[in-house]
C-alpha atoms as a PDB file:
ATOM      1  CA  MET A   1      -0.129  -0.324   0.269  1.00  0.00           C
ATOM      2  CA  THR A   2       0.967   3.531  -0.609  1.00  0.00           C
ATOM      3  CA  ALA A   3       2.863   5.646   2.218  1.00  0.00           C
ATOM      4  CA  TYR A   4       3.429   9.677   1.915  1.00  0.00           C
ATOM      5  CA  PRO A   5       6.872   9.740   1.744  1.00  0.00           C
ATOM      6  CA  ALA A   6       9.619  11.795   3.832  1.00  0.00           C
ATOM      7  CA  PRO A   7       9.955  15.267   3.259  1.00  0.00           C
ATOM      8  CA  VAL A   8      12.554  15.835  -0.162  1.00  0.00           C
ATOM      9  CA  PRO A   9      13.804  20.252  -0.611  1.00  0.00           C
ATOM     10  CA  PRO A  10      12.620  21.568  -2.556  1.00  0.00           C
ATOM     11  CA  ALA A  11       8.944  19.596  -2.698  1.00  0.00           C
ATOM     12  CA  ARG A  12       6.677  19.818  -0.309  1.00  0.00           C
ATOM     13  CA  ASP A  13       6.424  16.449   2.021  1.00  0.00           C
ATOM     14  CA  PRO A  14       2.993  14.908   1.355  1.00  0.00           C
ATOM     15  CA  SER A  15       3.184  13.343   5.284  1.00  0.00           C
ATOM     16  CA  SER A  16       2.942  16.838   6.382  1.00  0.00           C
ATOM     17  CA  ILE A  17      -0.269  17.640   4.756  1.00  0.00           C
ATOM     18  CA  THR A  18      -2.717  16.488   7.231  1.00  0.00           C
ATOM     19  CA  GLU A  19      -1.611  18.754  10.210  1.00  0.00           C
ATOM     20  CA  ASP A  20      -1.517  21.259   7.726  1.00  0.00           C
ATOM     21  CA  ALA A  21      -4.997  20.719   5.957  1.00  0.00           C
ATOM     22  CA  ALA A  22      -6.776  19.958   9.957  1.00  0.00           C
ATOM     23  CA  ALA A  23      -6.659  22.626  11.255  1.00  0.00           C
ATOM     24  CA  PRO A  24      -9.427  25.354  10.121  1.00  0.00           C
ATOM     25  CA  PRO A  25      -9.700  26.910   7.220  1.00  0.00           C
ATOM     26  CA  ARG A  26     -10.212  29.937   6.058  1.00  0.00           C
ATOM     27  CA  ARG A  27     -13.966  29.684   5.609  1.00  0.00           C
ATOM     28  CA  VAL A  28     -15.271  32.130   2.302  1.00  0.00           C
ATOM     29  CA  LEU A  29     -18.947  33.859   3.806  1.00  0.00           C
ATOM     30  CA  GLY A  30     -21.773  32.336   1.950  1.00  0.00           C
ATOM     31  CA  ARG A  31     -19.207  29.222   0.314  1.00  0.00           C
ATOM     32  CA  ARG A  32     -21.611  26.706  -1.578  1.00  0.00           C
ATOM     33  CA  PRO A  33     -22.193  23.713   1.213  1.00  0.00           C
ATOM     34  CA  LEU A  34     -19.505  21.249  -0.833  1.00  0.00           C
ATOM     35  CA  SER A  35     -19.814  17.127  -0.471  1.00  0.00           C
ATOM     36  CA  ALA A  36     -16.221  14.732  -0.629  1.00  0.00           C
ATOM     37  CA  LEU A  37     -16.868  11.521  -2.390  1.00  0.00           C
ATOM     38  CA  VAL A  38     -14.101   8.855  -1.494  1.00  0.00           C
ATOM     39  CA  THR A  39     -13.662   5.228  -3.205  1.00  0.00           C
ATOM     40  CA  THR A  40     -11.957   3.002  -1.101  1.00  0.00           C
ATOM     41  CA  TYR A  41     -10.786  -0.668  -1.174  1.00  0.00           C
ATOM     42  CA  ASN A  42      -8.965  -2.306   2.241  1.00  0.00           C
ATOM     43  CA  GLU A  43      -7.219   1.654   2.206  1.00  0.00           C
ATOM     44  CA  GLY A  44      -6.401   0.630   5.896  1.00  0.00           C
ATOM     45  CA  ASP A  45      -2.843   2.107   5.742  1.00  0.00           C
ATOM     46  CA  ARG A  46      -4.049   6.010   3.855  1.00  0.00           C
ATOM     47  CA  ILE A  47      -7.901   6.591   4.538  1.00  0.00           C
ATOM     48  CA  ALA A  48      -6.493   8.829   7.219  1.00  0.00           C
ATOM     49  CA  GLY A  49      -4.981  11.060   6.202  1.00  0.00           C
ATOM     50  CA  CYS A  50      -6.687  11.531   3.257  1.00  0.00           C
ATOM     51  CA  LEU A  51      -9.958  11.540   5.503  1.00  0.00           C
ATOM     52  CA  ASP A  52      -7.949  14.174   7.326  1.00  0.00           C
ATOM     53  CA  THR A  53      -7.390  16.811   4.098  1.00  0.00           C
ATOM     54  CA  LEU A  54     -10.540  16.682   3.521  1.00  0.00           C
ATOM     55  CA  ARG A  55     -12.780  18.284   7.469  1.00  0.00           C
ATOM     56  CA  TRP A  56     -13.470  21.202   6.608  1.00  0.00           C
ATOM     57  CA  CYS A  57     -16.631  19.909   3.550  1.00  0.00           C
ATOM     58  CA  ASP A  58     -19.784  19.518   4.385  1.00  0.00           C
ATOM     59  CA  GLU A  59     -20.391  15.660   3.911  1.00  0.00           C
ATOM     60  CA  ILE A  60     -17.851  13.060   3.070  1.00  0.00           C
ATOM     61  CA  LEU A  61     -18.570   9.669   1.460  1.00  0.00           C
ATOM     62  CA  VAL A  62     -17.046   7.005   1.626  1.00  0.00           C
ATOM     63  CA  VAL A  63     -18.158   4.582  -0.630  1.00  0.00           C
ATOM     64  CA  ASP A  64     -16.352   1.373   0.317  1.00  0.00           C
ATOM     65  CA  SER A  65     -15.780  -2.157  -2.282  1.00  0.00           C
ATOM     66  CA  PHE A  66     -16.336  -3.987   1.513  1.00  0.00           C
ATOM     67  CA  SER A  67     -12.317  -3.992   2.266  1.00  0.00           C
ATOM     68  CA  SER A  68     -12.021  -6.600   4.912  1.00  0.00           C
ATOM     69  CA  ASP A  69      -8.860  -4.592   6.713  1.00  0.00           C
ATOM     70  CA  ASP A  70     -10.445  -1.510   9.425  1.00  0.00           C
ATOM     71  CA  THR A  71     -11.102   1.067   7.070  1.00  0.00           C
ATOM     72  CA  VAL A  72     -14.392   0.866   7.042  1.00  0.00           C
ATOM     73  CA  ALA A  73     -13.401   1.305  11.251  1.00  0.00           C
ATOM     74  CA  ILE A  74     -11.092   4.241  10.195  1.00  0.00           C
ATOM     75  CA  ALA A  75     -13.438   6.678   7.951  1.00  0.00           C
ATOM     76  CA  SER A  76     -16.594   5.420  10.927  1.00  0.00           C
ATOM     77  CA  ARG A  77     -14.251   7.511  13.251  1.00  0.00           C
ATOM     78  CA  PHE A  78     -14.739  10.657  10.576  1.00  0.00           C
ATOM     79  CA  PRO A  79     -17.003  13.438  11.857  1.00  0.00           C
ATOM     80  CA  ARG A  80     -20.365  14.370   8.876  1.00  0.00           C
ATOM     81  CA  VAL A  81     -18.802  11.174   7.384  1.00  0.00           C
ATOM     82  CA  ARG A  82     -21.120   8.511   6.044  1.00  0.00           C
ATOM     83  CA  VAL A  83     -20.261   4.866   4.149  1.00  0.00           C
ATOM     84  CA  LEU A  84     -21.390   2.783   2.356  1.00  0.00           C
ATOM     85  CA  GLN A  85     -20.509  -0.319   0.921  1.00  0.00           C
ATOM     86  CA  ARG A  86     -21.164  -2.025  -2.740  1.00  0.00           C
ATOM     87  CA  ARG A  87     -19.779  -3.568  -4.987  1.00  0.00           C
ATOM     88  CA  TYR A  88     -17.507  -3.779  -7.269  1.00  0.00           C
ATOM     89  CA  PHE A  89     -18.227  -2.617 -10.446  1.00  0.00           C
ATOM     90  CA  GLY A  90     -14.950  -0.685 -11.969  1.00  0.00           C
ATOM     91  CA  ALA A  91     -14.227   3.570 -10.245  1.00  0.00           C
ATOM     92  CA  ALA A  92     -15.877   5.292 -12.917  1.00  0.00           C
ATOM     93  CA  SER A  93     -19.472   2.960 -11.918  1.00  0.00           C
ATOM     94  CA  GLN A  94     -17.858   3.288  -7.964  1.00  0.00           C
ATOM     95  CA  LYS A  95     -18.076   7.098  -7.828  1.00  0.00           C
ATOM     96  CA  ASN A  96     -21.213   7.973 -10.755  1.00  0.00           C
ATOM     97  CA  TRP A  97     -23.239   5.952  -8.146  1.00  0.00           C
ATOM     98  CA  GLY A  98     -21.655   7.481  -5.125  1.00  0.00           C
ATOM     99  CA  ILE A  99     -22.257  11.008  -6.120  1.00  0.00           C
ATOM    100  CA  ASP A 100     -26.417   9.998  -6.940  1.00  0.00           C
ATOM    101  CA  ARG A 101     -26.166   9.836  -3.326  1.00  0.00           C
ATOM    102  CA  LEU A 102     -24.498  13.151  -2.611  1.00  0.00           C
ATOM    103  CA  ARG A 103     -26.567  15.602  -0.473  1.00  0.00           C
ATOM    104  CA  ASN A 104     -24.509  18.256  -1.604  1.00  0.00           C
ATOM    105  CA  ASP A 105     -24.787  20.334  -5.255  1.00  0.00           C
ATOM    106  CA  TRP A 106     -21.045  20.462  -6.160  1.00  0.00           C
ATOM    107  CA  VAL A 107     -18.268  17.587  -4.756  1.00  0.00           C
ATOM    108  CA  LEU A 108     -14.921  17.208  -4.885  1.00  0.00           C
ATOM    109  CA  ILE A 109     -13.354  13.478  -5.528  1.00  0.00           C
ATOM    110  CA  LEU A 110     -10.635  11.749  -4.459  1.00  0.00           C
ATOM    111  CA  ASP A 111      -8.651   8.590  -4.564  1.00  0.00           C
ATOM    112  CA  ALA A 112      -7.392   7.340  -0.797  1.00  0.00           C
ATOM    113  CA  ASP A 113      -4.475   8.455  -2.504  1.00  0.00           C
ATOM    114  CA  GLU A 114      -4.964  11.891  -2.439  1.00  0.00           C
ATOM    115  CA  ARG A 115      -4.064  14.596  -0.102  1.00  0.00           C
ATOM    116  CA  VAL A 116      -6.157  18.285  -0.389  1.00  0.00           C
ATOM    117  CA  THR A 117      -3.282  20.302  -0.104  1.00  0.00           C
ATOM    118  CA  PRO A 118      -4.502  24.169   2.325  1.00  0.00           C
ATOM    119  CA  GLN A 119      -4.304  26.013  -1.099  1.00  0.00           C
ATOM    120  CA  LEU A 120      -6.167  23.708  -3.175  1.00  0.00           C
ATOM    121  CA  ARG A 121      -8.770  24.268  -0.300  1.00  0.00           C
ATOM    122  CA  ASP A 122      -8.483  27.905   0.088  1.00  0.00           C
ATOM    123  CA  GLU A 123      -8.899  27.760  -4.611  1.00  0.00           C
ATOM    124  CA  ILE A 124     -11.907  25.751  -3.932  1.00  0.00           C
ATOM    125  CA  GLU A 125     -13.573  28.139  -1.514  1.00  0.00           C
ATOM    126  CA  GLU A 126     -13.369  31.388  -3.076  1.00  0.00           C
ATOM    127  CA  VAL A 127     -14.922  29.322  -6.062  1.00  0.00           C
ATOM    128  CA  LEU A 128     -18.002  28.318  -4.519  1.00  0.00           C
ATOM    129  CA  ALA A 129     -17.962  31.397  -3.534  1.00  0.00           C
ATOM    130  CA  ALA A 130     -18.199  33.142  -6.854  1.00  0.00           C
ATOM    131  CA  PRO A 131     -21.532  34.286  -8.208  1.00  0.00           C
ATOM    132  CA  ALA A 132     -21.436  32.491 -11.421  1.00  0.00           C
ATOM    133  CA  PRO A 133     -18.404  29.507 -10.894  1.00  0.00           C
ATOM    134  CA  ALA A 134     -17.519  27.154 -14.353  1.00  0.00           C
ATOM    135  CA  CYS A 135     -19.758  23.461 -13.817  1.00  0.00           C
ATOM    136  CA  ALA A 136     -16.659  21.959 -13.889  1.00  0.00           C
ATOM    137  CA  PHE A 137     -12.927  22.617 -12.450  1.00  0.00           C
ATOM    138  CA  SER A 138      -9.455  19.853 -13.451  1.00  0.00           C
ATOM    139  CA  VAL A 139      -7.002  19.960 -10.346  1.00  0.00           C
ATOM    140  CA  PRO A 140      -3.486  19.277 -11.667  1.00  0.00           C
ATOM    141  CA  ARG A 141      -2.108  16.745  -9.718  1.00  0.00           C
ATOM    142  CA  ARG A 142       1.907  16.608  -7.993  1.00  0.00           C
ATOM    143  CA  THR A 143       2.363  12.390  -7.979  1.00  0.00           C
ATOM    144  CA  TYR A 144       4.903  11.030  -5.895  1.00  0.00           C
ATOM    145  CA  ALA A 145       6.589   7.220  -6.703  1.00  0.00           C
ATOM    146  CA  TRP A 146       8.576   5.251  -4.017  1.00  0.00           C
ATOM    147  CA  GLY A 147       9.640   8.490  -2.095  1.00  0.00           C
ATOM    148  CA  ARG A 148      10.055  11.526  -4.248  1.00  0.00           C
ATOM    149  CA  PRO A 149       7.946  13.766  -6.611  1.00  0.00           C
ATOM    150  CA  VAL A 150       7.982  12.120 -10.266  1.00  0.00           C
ATOM    151  CA  ARG A 151       8.769  15.677 -12.277  1.00  0.00           C
ATOM    152  CA  PHE A 152       8.711  13.955 -15.770  1.00  0.00           C
ATOM    153  CA  SER A 153       7.194  10.969 -17.740  1.00  0.00           C
ATOM    154  CA  GLY A 154       4.762  12.523 -18.565  1.00  0.00           C
ATOM    155  CA  TRP A 155       3.447  13.092 -15.575  1.00  0.00           C
ATOM    156  CA  GLN A 156       4.155  16.589 -14.635  1.00  0.00           C
ATOM    157  CA  HIS A 157       1.654  17.554 -16.812  1.00  0.00           C
ATOM    158  CA  ASP A 158      -1.406  15.617 -14.796  1.00  0.00           C
ATOM    159  CA  ARG A 159      -4.338  16.641 -14.736  1.00  0.00           C
ATOM    160  CA  VAL A 160      -7.544  15.466 -13.636  1.00  0.00           C
ATOM    161  CA  VAL A 161     -11.725  16.933 -12.890  1.00  0.00           C
ATOM    162  CA  ARG A 162     -12.383  16.171  -9.547  1.00  0.00           C
ATOM    163  CA  LEU A 163     -14.426  19.612  -8.890  1.00  0.00           C
ATOM    164  CA  PHE A 164     -17.795  19.839 -10.326  1.00  0.00           C
ATOM    165  CA  ARG A 165     -21.007  20.398  -9.991  1.00  0.00           C
ATOM    166  CA  ARG A 166     -22.287  16.863 -10.114  1.00  0.00           C
ATOM    167  CA  ASP A 167     -25.875  17.886 -13.006  1.00  0.00           C
ATOM    168  CA  GLY A 168     -22.326  18.980 -15.318  1.00  0.00           C
ATOM    169  CA  ALA A 169     -20.347  16.147 -15.185  1.00  0.00           C
ATOM    170  CA  ARG A 170     -20.015  12.598 -14.883  1.00  0.00           C
ATOM    171  CA  TYR A 171     -18.168   9.228 -15.637  1.00  0.00           C
ATOM    172  CA  PRO A 172     -18.408   7.205 -18.739  1.00  0.00           C
ATOM    173  CA  ASP A 173     -19.761   3.594 -19.056  1.00  0.00           C
ATOM    174  CA  ARG A 174     -15.594   2.210 -18.979  1.00  0.00           C
ATOM    175  CA  ARG A 175     -13.830  -0.607 -17.115  1.00  0.00           C
ATOM    176  CA  VAL A 176     -10.416   1.672 -15.894  1.00  0.00           C
ATOM    177  CA  HIS A 177      -8.900   4.933 -17.196  1.00  0.00           C
ATOM    178  CA  ALA A 178     -12.241   6.349 -17.206  1.00  0.00           C
ATOM    179  CA  ASP A 179     -11.765  10.097 -18.103  1.00  0.00           C
ATOM    180  CA  MET A 180     -14.732  12.447 -16.469  1.00  0.00           C
ATOM    181  CA  GLU A 181     -17.087  14.174 -19.196  1.00  0.00           C
ATOM    182  CA  THR A 182     -18.005  17.785 -18.750  1.00  0.00           C
ATOM    183  CA  VAL A 183     -21.802  19.988 -20.609  1.00  0.00           C
ATOM    184  CA  GLU A 184     -18.417  22.879 -20.582  1.00  0.00           C
ATOM    185  CA  PRO A 185     -15.158  22.828 -20.830  1.00  0.00           C
ATOM    186  CA  PRO A 186     -13.952  22.003 -17.584  1.00  0.00           C
ATOM    187  CA  ALA A 187     -12.099  25.676 -15.751  1.00  0.00           C
ATOM    188  CA  ARG A 188      -8.733  25.593 -14.718  1.00  0.00           C
ATOM    189  CA  LEU A 189      -7.441  25.167 -10.595  1.00  0.00           C
ATOM    190  CA  SER A 190      -3.811  26.512  -9.889  1.00  0.00           C
ATOM    191  CA  ALA A 191      -3.415  24.260  -6.989  1.00  0.00           C
ATOM    192  CA  PRO A 192      -2.060  20.825  -7.198  1.00  0.00           C
ATOM    193  CA  LEU A 193      -3.589  17.349  -5.252  1.00  0.00           C
ATOM    194  CA  GLU A 194      -0.973  15.135  -4.050  1.00  0.00           C
ATOM    195  CA  HIS A 195      -0.838  11.454  -5.488  1.00  0.00           C
ATOM    196  CA  GLY A 196       0.959   8.855  -3.274  1.00  0.00           C
ATOM    197  CA  MET A 197       1.392   6.972  -7.134  1.00  0.00           C
ATOM    198  CA  ILE A 198       3.634   4.056  -5.665  1.00  0.00           C
ATOM    199  CA  ASP A 199       5.426   2.939  -3.159  1.00  0.00           C
ATOM    200  CA  SER A 200       5.511  -0.447  -2.703  1.00  0.00           C
ATOM    201  CA  LEU A 201       7.346  -2.438  -6.798  1.00  0.00           C
ATOM    202  CA  SER A 202       4.944  -5.233  -5.517  1.00  0.00           C
ATOM    203  CA  GLU A 203       2.295  -3.556  -5.209  1.00  0.00           C
ATOM    204  CA  TYR A 204       2.012  -1.066  -8.347  1.00  0.00           C
ATOM    205  CA  ALA A 205       3.815  -3.890 -10.744  1.00  0.00           C
ATOM    206  CA  SER A 206      -0.154  -5.574  -9.113  1.00  0.00           C
ATOM    207  CA  ARG A 207      -1.572  -2.534  -9.934  1.00  0.00           C
ATOM    208  CA  VAL A 208       0.230  -2.856 -13.914  1.00  0.00           C
ATOM    209  CA  GLN A 209      -1.652  -6.140 -14.091  1.00  0.00           C
ATOM    210  CA  ARG A 210      -5.699  -5.699 -12.459  1.00  0.00           C
ATOM    211  CA  TYR A 211      -6.068  -2.229 -15.333  1.00  0.00           C
ATOM    212  CA  ALA A 212      -4.048  -3.970 -17.702  1.00  0.00           C
ATOM    213  CA  LEU A 213      -6.856  -7.139 -17.160  1.00  0.00           C
ATOM    214  CA  TRP A 214      -9.623  -5.139 -16.990  1.00  0.00           C
ATOM    215  CA  GLY A 215      -7.807  -3.208 -19.250  1.00  0.00           C
ATOM    216  CA  ALA A 216      -8.303  -5.607 -22.454  1.00  0.00           C
ATOM    217  CA  ALA A 217     -11.869  -6.650 -21.289  1.00  0.00           C
ATOM    218  CA  GLN A 218     -13.172  -2.493 -21.837  1.00  0.00           C
ATOM    219  CA  LEU A 219     -11.182  -3.151 -25.648  1.00  0.00           C
ATOM    220  CA  TRP A 220     -13.065  -6.168 -25.542  1.00  0.00           C
ATOM    221  CA  ARG A 221     -16.293  -5.326 -24.663  1.00  0.00           C
ATOM    222  CA  ASP A 222     -15.540  -2.310 -27.723  1.00  0.00           C
ATOM    223  CA  GLY A 223     -15.225  -4.850 -29.869  1.00  0.00           C
ATOM    224  CA  ARG A 224     -11.821  -4.402 -30.529  1.00  0.00           C
ATOM    225  CA  ARG A 225      -8.572  -6.393 -32.062  1.00  0.00           C
ATOM    226  CA  ALA A 226      -5.203  -7.029 -31.531  1.00  0.00           C
ATOM    227  CA  GLY A 227      -2.552  -8.901 -33.763  1.00  0.00           C
ATOM    228  CA  GLN A 228       1.087  -8.161 -34.117  1.00  0.00           C
ATOM    229  CA  TRP A 229       1.694  -4.026 -34.376  1.00  0.00           C
ATOM    230  CA  GLN A 230      -0.725  -3.414 -31.680  1.00  0.00           C
ATOM    231  CA  VAL A 231       1.563  -5.805 -29.390  1.00  0.00           C
ATOM    232  CA  ALA A 232       4.494  -5.176 -30.391  1.00  0.00           C
ATOM    233  CA  VAL A 233       4.553  -1.997 -31.533  1.00  0.00           C
ATOM    234  CA  ARG A 234       2.468   0.079 -29.021  1.00  0.00           C
ATOM    235  CA  PRO A 235       4.589  -1.004 -25.773  1.00  0.00           C
ATOM    236  CA  VAL A 236       7.483   0.065 -27.654  1.00  0.00           C
ATOM    237  CA  TRP A 237       6.387   3.339 -28.285  1.00  0.00           C
ATOM    238  CA  ARG A 238       4.984   4.386 -24.791  1.00  0.00           C
ATOM    239  CA  PHE A 239       8.283   3.555 -23.311  1.00  0.00           C
ATOM    240  CA  VAL A 240       9.170   6.170 -26.355  1.00  0.00           C
ATOM    241  CA  ARG A 241       6.897   8.699 -25.573  1.00  0.00           C
ATOM    242  CA  THR A 242       7.562   8.804 -21.716  1.00  0.00           C
ATOM    243  CA  TYR A 243      10.964   7.663 -21.423  1.00  0.00           C
ATOM    244  CA  LEU A 244      12.345   9.655 -24.050  1.00  0.00           C
ATOM    245  CA  LEU A 245      10.308  12.590 -25.197  1.00  0.00           C
ATOM    246  CA  GLN A 246       8.981  13.405 -21.719  1.00  0.00           C
ATOM    247  CA  LEU A 247      12.174  13.305 -20.409  1.00  0.00           C
ATOM    248  CA  GLY A 248      11.662   9.498 -17.754  1.00  0.00           C
ATOM    249  CA  PHE A 249      15.701   9.005 -18.464  1.00  0.00           C
ATOM    250  CA  LEU A 250      15.691  12.494 -16.658  1.00  0.00           C
ATOM    251  CA  GLU A 251      14.585  10.396 -13.462  1.00  0.00           C
ATOM    252  CA  GLY A 252      17.134   7.701 -13.720  1.00  0.00           C
ATOM    253  CA  VAL A 253      16.569   4.606 -12.417  1.00  0.00           C
ATOM    254  CA  ARG A 254      13.348   5.259 -10.905  1.00  0.00           C
ATOM    255  CA  GLY A 255      12.042   7.169 -13.884  1.00  0.00           C
ATOM    256  CA  LEU A 256      13.282   3.719 -15.950  1.00  0.00           C
ATOM    257  CA  THR A 257      11.177   1.465 -13.863  1.00  0.00           C
ATOM    258  CA  LEU A 258       8.397   3.615 -14.184  1.00  0.00           C
ATOM    259  CA  CYS A 259       8.412   3.387 -17.576  1.00  0.00           C
ATOM    260  CA  ALA A 260       8.343   0.322 -18.259  1.00  0.00           C
ATOM    261  CA  LEU A 261       6.446  -0.614 -16.561  1.00  0.00           C
ATOM    262  CA  GLN A 262       3.405   1.253 -17.786  1.00  0.00           C
ATOM    263  CA  ALA A 263       4.905   0.112 -21.251  1.00  0.00           C
ATOM    264  CA  TYR A 264       4.920  -3.925 -19.836  1.00  0.00           C
ATOM    265  CA  GLY A 265       0.716  -2.335 -18.859  1.00  0.00           C
ATOM    266  CA  THR A 266       0.965  -1.966 -22.346  1.00  0.00           C
ATOM    267  CA  PHE A 267       2.595  -4.823 -23.802  1.00  0.00           C
ATOM    268  CA  LEU A 268       0.105  -6.799 -20.810  1.00  0.00           C
ATOM    269  CA  LYS A 269      -3.523  -5.593 -22.001  1.00  0.00           C
ATOM    270  CA  TYR A 270      -2.963  -5.904 -26.056  1.00  0.00           C
ATOM    271  CA  ALA A 271      -1.629  -9.717 -25.248  1.00  0.00           C
ATOM    272  CA  ILE A 272      -4.709 -10.494 -22.811  1.00  0.00           C
ATOM    273  CA  LEU A 273      -6.581  -9.332 -25.895  1.00  0.00           C
ATOM    274  CA  TRP A 274      -5.379 -10.931 -28.650  1.00  0.00           C
ATOM    275  CA  SER A 275      -5.265 -14.486 -26.893  1.00  0.00           C
ATOM    276  CA  TRP A 276      -8.864 -13.580 -26.204  1.00  0.00           C
ATOM    277  CA  ARG A 277      -9.613 -13.502 -29.957  1.00  0.00           C
ATOM    278  CA  ASP A 278      -7.474 -16.517 -30.359  1.00  0.00           C
ATOM    279  CA  GLY A 279      -9.419 -18.490 -27.454  1.00  0.00           C
ATOM    280  CA  ALA A 280     -12.754 -17.357 -29.509  1.00  0.00           C
ATOM    281  CA  ALA A 281     -11.739 -18.421 -32.984  1.00  0.00           C
ATOM    282  CA  ALA A 282     -10.757 -22.318 -30.671  1.00  0.00           C
ATOM    283  CA  GLY A 283     -14.192 -21.920 -29.352  1.00  0.00           C
ATOM    284  CA  ARG A 284     -13.216 -20.433 -25.542  1.00  0.00           C
ATOM    285  CA  SER A 285     -14.275 -17.829 -23.935  1.00  0.00           C
ATOM    286  CA  PRO A 286     -12.761 -15.209 -21.518  1.00  0.00           C
ATOM    287  CA  ASP A 287     -13.242 -14.544 -18.627  1.00  0.00           C
ATOM    288  CA  LEU A 288     -14.544 -10.975 -17.988  1.00  0.00           C
ATOM    289  CA  PRO A 289     -14.430  -9.520 -14.885  1.00  0.00           C
ATOM    290  CA  GLU A 290     -18.785  -8.401 -14.459  1.00  0.00           C
ATOM    291  CA  PHE A 291     -19.322  -4.627 -15.808  1.00  0.00           C
ATOM    292  CA  ASP A 292     -22.219  -2.303 -14.333  1.00  0.00           C
ATOM    293  CA  ASP A 293     -24.898  -2.639 -16.386  1.00  0.00           C
ATOM    294  CA  ASP A 294     -27.454  -0.455 -14.997  1.00  0.00           C
ATOM    295  CA  PRO A 295     -27.828   2.105 -17.308  1.00  0.00           C
ATOM    296  CA  MET A 296     -29.118   4.634 -14.309  1.00  0.00           C
ATOM    297  CA  THR A 297     -24.730   4.293 -13.381  1.00  0.00           C
ATOM    298  CA  TRP A 298     -24.423   5.861 -16.439  1.00  0.00           C
ATOM    299  CA  ALA A 299     -27.126   8.240 -16.975  1.00  0.00           C
ATOM    300  CA  TRP A 300     -27.068  12.335 -17.085  1.00  0.00           C
ATOM    301  CA  PRO A 301     -29.999  13.669 -15.890  1.00  0.00           C
ATOM    302  CA  ALA A 302     -31.993  14.486 -19.193  1.00  0.00           C
ATOM    303  CA  PRO A 303     -31.683  18.617 -19.489  1.00  0.00           C
ATOM    304  CA  GLN A 304     -27.108  18.316 -19.030  1.00  0.00           C
ATOM    305  CA  ARG A 305     -27.236  14.987 -21.580  1.00  0.00           C
ATOM    306  CA  ALA A 306     -28.638  17.390 -24.171  1.00  0.00           C
ATOM    307  CA  ALA A 307     -26.550  20.351 -23.690  1.00  0.00           C
ATOM    308  CA  ARG A 308     -23.677  17.744 -23.597  1.00  0.00           C
ATOM    309  CA  ASP A 309     -25.365  16.098 -27.027  1.00  0.00           C
ATOM    310  CA  ALA A 310     -26.033  19.323 -28.563  1.00  0.00           C
ATOM    311  CA  ALA A 311     -22.129  21.188 -27.725  1.00  0.00           C
ATOM    312  CA  GLU A 312     -20.887  18.065 -29.065  1.00  0.00           C
ATOM    313  CA  LEU A 313     -22.719  18.860 -32.284  1.00  0.00           C
ATOM    314  CA  GLN A 314     -21.505  22.154 -32.189  1.00  0.00           C
ATOM    315  CA  ILE A 315     -17.708  21.180 -32.073  1.00  0.00           C
ATOM    316  CA  SER A 316     -17.892  18.247 -34.797  1.00  0.00           C
END
C-alpha cells in the first residue's frame, strides 16, 4: 500500500499535509456547501490521511468495496463521514453511484492515496463563493513514487477533473481509466492535489497487471482486436514516449522502472486481448470481469445530457 514519503526539498512533503489541512480553514462566507466522495478498498493505512484533508467539507461519503481490513472502522470515526458499501465494478461505476447519493450539488472527488493541500482547499473555497462559477474544474496532481516527486515521464502534466457541480459532469461507461465528461469545458485550478502513487514496487506491479486485464476487457467489450502491431509496437511507443520524449530518463533508474512498467502494462493489455480473440476462434470464451450494466449508473440528467450532446454537435 502506498505510504507518503519523507520530506524531499524543494517539493512539499505529502505527509505534512494532514496536519495543515486538518486545521481550521480560511472559511469563505456564503460559499456553497460541498460534498466530498472517496472510494476505497483495503485502504486502512492511508484513508485517515485522506479524510484528514477533507474535514472542512460539509459532507464526506466513503463508498467502500467491502474492505477486509480496518478501512471502514477508521473512516467511520471521522465527523460528517457516511460509509456505504457496494460491489466493485470499476472506479467510474463506483464514483457515479456515489455522486448520486450525495446531499449537496457541489462535489469534490478524491482517491484514498490523494491529499488536498491547504492551497487547493482555499482555492476551492473561493470558487464555491463565486457568483457564477464554471460547472467543473480540473486540478493538477503532484505525483510521488518511491518517496520522491515524479517530475517527468508525462506525470508533470497530470490534470484531472475533480471539482464539479454534479449535474455538470459524469464518468463514462468504462471499466478502467475513465476520464470524466463535462457539460462545458472545465475551468482550471492552479493549486495541486498530492498523489502518493507508488511506494511498493510489488504492489504497483500487481496494480499494472490488474489494470491491464480490465483494459483488455474494455477493449473486448468495445469490439476491438489486437494483432502483431498492437502487441509489439504500442508498448515500444509507450516506452519511447514516456522515457525519451517526456524525459523520464532524467529520473534515473526510478524513471526507467516507472516507464518500463507502464510499457509492460500496455503490452499485457493487448497480449491478453489477442489471446482472447485467438481463443474465441477456437470456441473458448474469455473470463471477463463483471461490468456495471445498470443504465442508471451512467445516465445523465436529461437537460444536462441534451446540452452536452448539443455542444458536441457544434464542435463536430
